[in-house]
PDB file of N, CA and C in Angstrom:
ATOM      1  N   UNK A   1      12.413 -13.311 -12.906  1.00  0.00           N
ATOM      2  CA  UNK A   1      12.126 -11.959 -12.521  1.00  0.00           C
ATOM      3  C   UNK A   1      13.400 -11.115 -12.495  1.00  0.00           C
ATOM      4  N   UNK A   2      14.552 -11.728 -12.606  1.00  0.00           N
ATOM      5  CA  UNK A   2      15.803 -10.994 -12.517  1.00  0.00           C
ATOM      6  C   UNK A   2      16.035 -10.072 -13.707  1.00  0.00           C
ATOM      7  N   UNK A   3      15.278 -10.224 -14.792  1.00  0.00           N
ATOM      8  CA  UNK A   3      15.437  -9.377 -15.966  1.00  0.00           C
ATOM      9  C   UNK A   3      14.757  -8.024 -15.804  1.00  0.00           C
ATOM     10  N   UNK A   4      13.990  -7.838 -14.750  1.00  0.00           N
ATOM     11  CA  UNK A   4      13.224  -6.606 -14.566  1.00  0.00           C
ATOM     12  C   UNK A   4      13.851  -5.730 -13.495  1.00  0.00           C
ATOM     13  N   UNK A   5      13.784  -4.426 -13.714  1.00  0.00           N
ATOM     14  CA  UNK A   5      14.270  -3.456 -12.742  1.00  0.00           C
ATOM     15  C   UNK A   5      13.256  -3.376 -11.601  1.00  0.00           C
ATOM     16  N   UNK A   6      13.684  -3.680 -10.392  1.00  0.00           N
ATOM     17  CA  UNK A   6      12.774  -3.677  -9.244  1.00  0.00           C
ATOM     18  C   UNK A   6      12.169  -2.301  -9.003  1.00  0.00           C
ATOM     19  N   UNK A   7      12.904  -1.234  -9.300  1.00  0.00           N
ATOM     20  CA  UNK A   7      12.389   0.122  -9.128  1.00  0.00           C
ATOM     21  C   UNK A   7      11.203   0.399 -10.038  1.00  0.00           C
ATOM     22  N   UNK A   8      11.261  -0.129 -11.251  1.00  0.00           N
ATOM     23  CA  UNK A   8      10.157   0.049 -12.196  1.00  0.00           C
ATOM     24  C   UNK A   8       8.927  -0.707 -11.705  1.00  0.00           C
ATOM     25  N   UNK A   9       9.129  -1.900 -11.203  1.00  0.00           N
ATOM     26  CA  UNK A   9       8.012  -2.696 -10.681  1.00  0.00           C
ATOM     27  C   UNK A   9       7.391  -2.002  -9.476  1.00  0.00           C
ATOM     28  N   UNK A  10       8.216  -1.485  -8.585  1.00  0.00           N
ATOM     29  CA  UNK A  10       7.731  -0.757  -7.413  1.00  0.00           C
ATOM     30  C   UNK A  10       6.881   0.433  -7.836  1.00  0.00           C
ATOM     31  N   UNK A  11       7.378   1.233  -8.781  1.00  0.00           N
ATOM     32  CA  UNK A  11       6.627   2.399  -9.255  1.00  0.00           C
ATOM     33  C   UNK A  11       5.331   2.000  -9.936  1.00  0.00           C
ATOM     34  N   UNK A  12       5.333   0.889 -10.649  1.00  0.00           N
ATOM     35  CA  UNK A  12       4.109   0.432 -11.327  1.00  0.00           C
ATOM     36  C   UNK A  12       3.028   0.077 -10.309  1.00  0.00           C
ATOM     37  N   UNK A  13       3.388  -0.617  -9.252  1.00  0.00           N
ATOM     38  CA  UNK A  13       2.398  -0.970  -8.226  1.00  0.00           C
ATOM     39  C   UNK A  13       1.922   0.270  -7.479  1.00  0.00           C
ATOM     40  N   UNK A  14       2.824   1.202  -7.220  1.00  0.00           N
ATOM     41  CA  UNK A  14       2.401   2.450  -6.575  1.00  0.00           C
ATOM     42  C   UNK A  14       1.455   3.228  -7.478  1.00  0.00           C
ATOM     43  N   UNK A  15       1.715   3.237  -8.770  1.00  0.00           N
ATOM     44  CA  UNK A  15       0.828   3.913  -9.716  1.00  0.00           C
ATOM     45  C   UNK A  15      -0.550   3.271  -9.718  1.00  0.00           C
ATOM     46  N   UNK A  16      -0.597   1.925  -9.695  1.00  0.00           N
ATOM     47  CA  UNK A  16      -1.885   1.215  -9.635  1.00  0.00           C
ATOM     48  C   UNK A  16      -2.706   1.695  -8.456  1.00  0.00           C
ATOM     49  N   UNK A  17      -2.069   1.809  -7.298  1.00  0.00           N
ATOM     50  CA  UNK A  17      -2.774   2.232  -6.082  1.00  0.00           C
ATOM     51  C   UNK A  17      -3.208   3.695  -6.191  1.00  0.00           C
ATOM     52  N   UNK A  18      -2.334   4.559  -6.680  1.00  0.00           N
ATOM     53  CA  UNK A  18      -2.671   5.978  -6.815  1.00  0.00           C
ATOM     54  C   UNK A  18      -3.828   6.175  -7.791  1.00  0.00           C
ATOM     55  N   UNK A  19      -3.888   5.359  -8.806  1.00  0.00           N
ATOM     56  CA  UNK A  19      -4.947   5.439  -9.819  1.00  0.00           C
ATOM     57  C   UNK A  19      -6.331   5.297  -9.184  1.00  0.00           C
ATOM     58  N   UNK A  20      -6.435   4.510  -8.122  1.00  0.00           N
ATOM     59  CA  UNK A  20      -7.729   4.267  -7.470  1.00  0.00           C
ATOM     60  C   UNK A  20      -7.870   5.017  -6.144  1.00  0.00           C
ATOM     61  N   UNK A  21      -6.948   5.951  -5.866  1.00  0.00           N
ATOM     62  CA  UNK A  21      -7.100   6.804  -4.692  1.00  0.00           C
ATOM     63  C   UNK A  21      -6.384   6.347  -3.437  1.00  0.00           C
ATOM     64  N   UNK A  22      -5.378   5.525  -3.596  1.00  0.00           N
ATOM     65  CA  UNK A  22      -4.610   5.040  -2.451  1.00  0.00           C
ATOM     66  C   UNK A  22      -3.124   5.249  -2.709  1.00  0.00           C
ATOM     67  N   UNK A  23      -2.358   5.192  -1.647  1.00  0.00           N
ATOM     68  CA  UNK A  23      -0.909   5.157  -1.798  1.00  0.00           C
ATOM     69  C   UNK A  23      -0.402   3.970  -0.989  1.00  0.00           C
ATOM     70  N   UNK A  24       0.746   3.475  -1.354  1.00  0.00           N
ATOM     71  CA  UNK A  24       1.329   2.321  -0.686  1.00  0.00           C
ATOM     72  C   UNK A  24       2.485   2.794   0.175  1.00  0.00           C
ATOM     73  N   UNK A  25       2.466   2.398   1.435  1.00  0.00           N
ATOM     74  CA  UNK A  25       3.494   2.815   2.379  1.00  0.00           C
ATOM     75  C   UNK A  25       4.041   1.623   3.125  1.00  0.00           C
ATOM     76  N   UNK A  26       5.289   1.739   3.495  1.00  0.00           N
ATOM     77  CA  UNK A  26       5.896   0.762   4.391  1.00  0.00           C
ATOM     78  C   UNK A  26       5.433   1.063   5.796  1.00  0.00           C
ATOM     79  N   UNK A  27       5.360   0.042   6.615  1.00  0.00           N
ATOM     80  CA  UNK A  27       5.030   0.244   8.015  1.00  0.00           C
ATOM     81  C   UNK A  27       6.205   0.867   8.750  1.00  0.00           C
ATOM     82  N   UNK A  28       6.007   1.124  10.015  1.00  0.00           N
ATOM     83  CA  UNK A  28       7.060   1.663  10.864  1.00  0.00           C
ATOM     84  C   UNK A  28       7.349   0.647  11.946  1.00  0.00           C
ATOM     85  N   UNK A  29       8.541   0.578  12.376  1.00  0.00           N
ATOM     86  CA  UNK A  29       8.907  -0.356  13.431  1.00  0.00           C
ATOM     87  C   UNK A  29       8.349   0.159  14.757  1.00  0.00           C
ATOM     88  N   UNK A  30       7.421  -0.592  15.319  1.00  0.00           N
ATOM     89  CA  UNK A  30       6.813  -0.191  16.590  1.00  0.00           C
ATOM     90  C   UNK A  30       6.796  -1.389  17.521  1.00  0.00           C
ATOM     91  N   UNK A  31       6.353  -1.197  18.722  1.00  0.00           N
ATOM     92  CA  UNK A  31       6.436  -2.241  19.736  1.00  0.00           C
ATOM     93  C   UNK A  31       5.379  -3.329  19.620  1.00  0.00           C
ATOM     94  N   UNK A  32       4.312  -3.124  18.890  1.00  0.00           N
ATOM     95  CA  UNK A  32       3.258  -4.122  18.830  1.00  0.00           C
ATOM     96  C   UNK A  32       3.268  -4.918  17.547  1.00  0.00           C
ATOM     97  N   UNK A  33       2.236  -5.699  17.373  1.00  0.00           N
ATOM     98  CA  UNK A  33       2.088  -6.482  16.155  1.00  0.00           C
ATOM     99  C   UNK A  33       1.654  -5.618  14.975  1.00  0.00           C
ATOM    100  N   UNK A  34       1.013  -4.490  15.270  1.00  0.00           N
ATOM    101  CA  UNK A  34       0.502  -3.622  14.215  1.00  0.00           C
ATOM    102  C   UNK A  34       1.587  -2.692  13.678  1.00  0.00           C
ATOM    103  N   UNK A  35       1.377  -2.231  12.459  1.00  0.00           N
ATOM    104  CA  UNK A  35       2.256  -1.245  11.833  1.00  0.00           C
ATOM    105  C   UNK A  35       3.683  -1.768  11.745  1.00  0.00           C
ATOM    106  N   UNK A  36       3.850  -2.860  11.066  1.00  0.00           N
ATOM    107  CA  UNK A  36       5.142  -3.529  10.995  1.00  0.00           C
ATOM    108  C   UNK A  36       6.020  -2.975   9.879  1.00  0.00           C
ATOM    109  N   UNK A  37       7.284  -2.804  10.155  1.00  0.00           N
ATOM    110  CA  UNK A  37       8.230  -2.236   9.197  1.00  0.00           C
ATOM    111  C   UNK A  37       8.485  -3.167   8.013  1.00  0.00           C
ATOM    112  N   UNK A  38       8.214  -4.449   8.163  1.00  0.00           N
ATOM    113  CA  UNK A  38       8.473  -5.387   7.069  1.00  0.00           C
ATOM    114  C   UNK A  38       7.240  -5.610   6.196  1.00  0.00           C
ATOM    115  N   UNK A  39       6.233  -4.777   6.326  1.00  0.00           N
ATOM    116  CA  UNK A  39       4.986  -4.943   5.578  1.00  0.00           C
ATOM    117  C   UNK A  39       4.629  -3.688   4.809  1.00  0.00           C
ATOM    118  N   UNK A  40       3.775  -3.870   3.803  1.00  0.00           N
ATOM    119  CA  UNK A  40       3.221  -2.778   3.004  1.00  0.00           C
ATOM    120  C   UNK A  40       1.777  -2.556   3.405  1.00  0.00           C
ATOM    121  N   UNK A  41       1.335  -1.301   3.342  1.00  0.00           N
ATOM    122  CA  UNK A  41      -0.033  -0.942   3.693  1.00  0.00           C
ATOM    123  C   UNK A  41      -0.631  -0.063   2.603  1.00  0.00           C
ATOM    124  N   UNK A  42      -1.905  -0.286   2.288  1.00  0.00           N
ATOM    125  CA  UNK A  42      -2.657   0.573   1.368  1.00  0.00           C
ATOM    126  C   UNK A  42      -3.320   1.658   2.209  1.00  0.00           C
ATOM    127  N   UNK A  43      -2.984   2.906   1.934  1.00  0.00           N
ATOM    128  CA  UNK A  43      -3.458   4.046   2.728  1.00  0.00           C
ATOM    129  C   UNK A  43      -4.247   4.977   1.815  1.00  0.00           C
ATOM    130  N   UNK A  44      -5.415   5.393   2.263  1.00  0.00           N
ATOM    131  CA  UNK A  44      -6.226   6.319   1.467  1.00  0.00           C
ATOM    132  C   UNK A  44      -5.423   7.576   1.162  1.00  0.00           C
ATOM    133  N   UNK A  45      -5.438   8.000  -0.096  1.00  0.00           N
ATOM    134  CA  UNK A  45      -4.669   9.173  -0.516  1.00  0.00           C
ATOM    135  C   UNK A  45      -5.174  10.448   0.144  1.00  0.00           C
ATOM    136  N   UNK A  46      -6.402  10.436   0.636  1.00  0.00           N
ATOM    137  CA  UNK A  46      -6.951  11.619   1.300  1.00  0.00           C
ATOM    138  C   UNK A  46      -6.234  11.913   2.619  1.00  0.00           C
ATOM    139  N   UNK A  47      -5.542  10.943   3.145  1.00  0.00           N
ATOM    140  CA  UNK A  47      -4.741  11.157   4.360  1.00  0.00           C
ATOM    141  C   UNK A  47      -3.461  11.846   3.927  1.00  0.00           C
ATOM    142  N   UNK A  48      -3.280  13.076   4.327  1.00  0.00           N
ATOM    143  CA  UNK A  48      -2.133  13.837   3.852  1.00  0.00           C
ATOM    144  C   UNK A  48      -0.884  13.656   4.697  1.00  0.00           C
ATOM    145  N   UNK A  49      -1.042  13.328   5.959  1.00  0.00           N
ATOM    146  CA  UNK A  49       0.113  13.168   6.830  1.00  0.00           C
ATOM    147  C   UNK A  49       0.378  11.688   7.023  1.00  0.00           C
ATOM    148  N   UNK A  50       1.563  11.250   6.646  1.00  0.00           N
ATOM    149  CA  UNK A  50       1.909   9.840   6.706  1.00  0.00           C
ATOM    150  C   UNK A  50       1.747   9.265   8.106  1.00  0.00           C
ATOM    151  N   UNK A  51       2.064  10.027   9.130  1.00  0.00           N
ATOM    152  CA  UNK A  51       1.982   9.509  10.488  1.00  0.00           C
ATOM    153  C   UNK A  51       0.537   9.287  10.931  1.00  0.00           C
ATOM    154  N   UNK A  52      -0.426   9.952  10.264  1.00  0.00           N
ATOM    155  CA  UNK A  52      -1.831   9.783  10.620  1.00  0.00           C
ATOM    156  C   UNK A  52      -2.465   8.636   9.841  1.00  0.00           C
ATOM    157  N   UNK A  53      -1.719   8.049   8.930  1.00  0.00           N
ATOM    158  CA  UNK A  53      -2.256   6.979   8.099  1.00  0.00           C
ATOM    159  C   UNK A  53      -2.521   5.731   8.931  1.00  0.00           C
ATOM    160  N   UNK A  54      -3.564   5.015   8.566  1.00  0.00           N
ATOM    161  CA  UNK A  54      -3.903   3.779   9.261  1.00  0.00           C
ATOM    162  C   UNK A  54      -3.063   2.645   8.698  1.00  0.00           C
ATOM    163  N   UNK A  55      -2.075   2.250   9.446  1.00  0.00           N
ATOM    164  CA  UNK A  55      -1.245   1.120   9.045  1.00  0.00           C
ATOM    165  C   UNK A  55      -1.371   0.019  10.091  1.00  0.00           C
ATOM    166  N   UNK A  56      -2.574  -0.178  10.588  1.00  0.00           N
ATOM    167  CA  UNK A  56      -2.777  -1.220  11.580  1.00  0.00           C
ATOM    168  C   UNK A  56      -3.057  -2.536  10.866  1.00  0.00           C
ATOM    169  N   UNK A  57      -2.939  -3.592  11.600  1.00  0.00           N
ATOM    170  CA  UNK A  57      -3.214  -4.899  11.037  1.00  0.00           C
ATOM    171  C   UNK A  57      -1.968  -5.554  10.487  1.00  0.00           C
ATOM    172  N   UNK A  58      -2.141  -6.715   9.887  1.00  0.00           N
ATOM    173  CA  UNK A  58      -0.982  -7.498   9.458  1.00  0.00           C
ATOM    174  C   UNK A  58      -0.256  -6.924   8.242  1.00  0.00           C
ATOM    175  N   UNK A  59      -0.895  -6.073   7.461  1.00  0.00           N
ATOM    176  CA  UNK A  59      -0.241  -5.536   6.274  1.00  0.00           C
ATOM    177  C   UNK A  59      -0.034  -6.621   5.229  1.00  0.00           C
ATOM    178  N   UNK A  60       0.811  -6.330   4.264  1.00  0.00           N
ATOM    179  CA  UNK A  60       1.065  -7.262   3.165  1.00  0.00           C
ATOM    180  C   UNK A  60       2.559  -7.431   2.974  1.00  0.00           C
ATOM    181  N   UNK A  61       2.965  -8.656   2.717  1.00  0.00           N
ATOM    182  CA  UNK A  61       4.390  -8.958   2.560  1.00  0.00           C
ATOM    183  C   UNK A  61       4.973  -8.349   1.290  1.00  0.00           C
ATOM    184  N   UNK A  62       4.158  -8.210   0.240  1.00  0.00           N
ATOM    185  CA  UNK A  62       4.666  -7.669  -1.021  1.00  0.00           C
ATOM    186  C   UNK A  62       3.899  -6.415  -1.411  1.00  0.00           C
ATOM    187  N   UNK A  63       4.546  -5.567  -2.180  1.00  0.00           N
ATOM    188  CA  UNK A  63       3.884  -4.358  -2.655  1.00  0.00           C
ATOM    189  C   UNK A  63       2.783  -4.714  -3.653  1.00  0.00           C
ATOM    190  N   UNK A  64       2.947  -5.819  -4.369  1.00  0.00           N
ATOM    191  CA  UNK A  64       1.909  -6.264  -5.298  1.00  0.00           C
ATOM    192  C   UNK A  64       0.619  -6.589  -4.554  1.00  0.00           C
ATOM    193  N   UNK A  65       0.730  -7.288  -3.442  1.00  0.00           N
ATOM    194  CA  UNK A  65      -0.447  -7.634  -2.643  1.00  0.00           C
ATOM    195  C   UNK A  65      -1.103  -6.374  -2.071  1.00  0.00           C
ATOM    196  N   UNK A  66      -0.292  -5.392  -1.672  1.00  0.00           N
ATOM    197  CA  UNK A  66      -0.844  -4.141  -1.154  1.00  0.00           C
ATOM    198  C   UNK A  66      -1.570  -3.371  -2.254  1.00  0.00           C
ATOM    199  N   UNK A  67      -1.034  -3.399  -3.487  1.00  0.00           N
ATOM    200  CA  UNK A  67      -1.700  -2.739  -4.615  1.00  0.00           C
ATOM    201  C   UNK A  67      -3.017  -3.434  -4.936  1.00  0.00           C
ATOM    202  N   UNK A  68      -3.033  -4.756  -4.857  1.00  0.00           N
ATOM    203  CA  UNK A  68      -4.280  -5.508  -5.051  1.00  0.00           C
ATOM    204  C   UNK A  68      -5.314  -5.101  -4.002  1.00  0.00           C
ATOM    205  N   UNK A  69      -4.867  -4.921  -2.754  1.00  0.00           N
ATOM    206  CA  UNK A  69      -5.768  -4.513  -1.678  1.00  0.00           C
ATOM    207  C   UNK A  69      -6.313  -3.112  -1.928  1.00  0.00           C
ATOM    208  N   UNK A  70      -5.481  -2.205  -2.420  1.00  0.00           N
ATOM    209  CA  UNK A  70      -5.941  -0.854  -2.742  1.00  0.00           C
ATOM    210  C   UNK A  70      -7.056  -0.906  -3.787  1.00  0.00           C
ATOM    211  N   UNK A  71      -6.884  -1.721  -4.809  1.00  0.00           N
ATOM    212  CA  UNK A  71      -7.917  -1.862  -5.836  1.00  0.00           C
ATOM    213  C   UNK A  71      -9.192  -2.470  -5.263  1.00  0.00           C
ATOM    214  N   UNK A  72      -9.030  -3.449  -4.369  1.00  0.00           N
ATOM    215  CA  UNK A  72     -10.203  -4.069  -3.747  1.00  0.00           C
ATOM    216  C   UNK A  72     -10.960  -3.058  -2.883  1.00  0.00           C
ATOM    217  N   UNK A  73     -10.229  -2.294  -2.088  1.00  0.00           N
ATOM    218  CA  UNK A  73     -10.856  -1.289  -1.234  1.00  0.00           C
ATOM    219  C   UNK A  73     -11.581  -0.234  -2.069  1.00  0.00           C
ATOM    220  N   UNK A  74     -10.950   0.196  -3.136  1.00  0.00           N
ATOM    221  CA  UNK A  74     -11.566   1.210  -4.004  1.00  0.00           C
ATOM    222  C   UNK A  74     -12.844   0.680  -4.645  1.00  0.00           C
ATOM    223  N   UNK A  75     -12.848  -0.594  -5.023  1.00  0.00           N
ATOM    224  CA  UNK A  75     -14.057  -1.144  -5.642  1.00  0.00           C
ATOM    225  C   UNK A  75     -15.179  -1.286  -4.615  1.00  0.00           C
ATOM    226  N   UNK A  76     -14.845  -1.534  -3.355  1.00  0.00           N
ATOM    227  CA  UNK A  76     -15.859  -1.592  -2.298  1.00  0.00           C
ATOM    228  C   UNK A  76     -16.466  -0.228  -2.041  1.00  0.00           C
ATOM    229  N   UNK A  77     -15.656   0.809  -2.215  1.00  0.00           N
ATOM    230  CA  UNK A  77     -16.117   2.161  -1.971  1.00  0.00           C
ATOM    231  C   UNK A  77     -16.813   2.755  -3.191  1.00  0.00           C
ATOM    232  N   UNK A  78     -16.898   1.985  -4.264  1.00  0.00           N
ATOM    233  CA  UNK A  78     -17.512   2.496  -5.482  1.00  0.00           C
ATOM    234  C   UNK A  78     -16.562   3.344  -6.294  1.00  0.00           C
ATOM    235  N   UNK A  79     -15.251   3.081  -6.107  1.00  0.00           N
ATOM    236  CA  UNK A  79     -14.235   3.838  -6.837  1.00  0.00           C
ATOM    237  C   UNK A  79     -14.130   3.408  -8.280  1.00  0.00           C
ATOM    238  N   UNK A  80     -13.056   3.777  -8.912  1.00  0.00           N
ATOM    239  CA  UNK A  80     -12.881   3.532 -10.335  1.00  0.00           C
ATOM    240  C   UNK A  80     -12.163   2.242 -10.634  1.00  0.00           C
ATOM    241  N   UNK A  81     -11.933   1.388  -9.654  1.00  0.00           N
ATOM    242  CA  UNK A  81     -11.200   0.138  -9.894  1.00  0.00           C
ATOM    243  C   UNK A  81     -12.075  -0.884 -10.586  1.00  0.00           C
TER     244      UNK A  81
END
């Protein structure tokens, strides 16, 4: 994987999520188990304010896993995934 630019990979996964109506965000460091700074979250693009986004739960360790979750959520909602 060292032959690939990590920035390009990051943008590709974010594009995947945006394509189906989600954006990928990092969590924020907070006092509880939820909304962790070391995790990625799939957030509905209809949420315009980042602080109002639902980043509860365990999140995902990789941006790839979060993009997969965005596609899964969109397919459950009858989206274009």
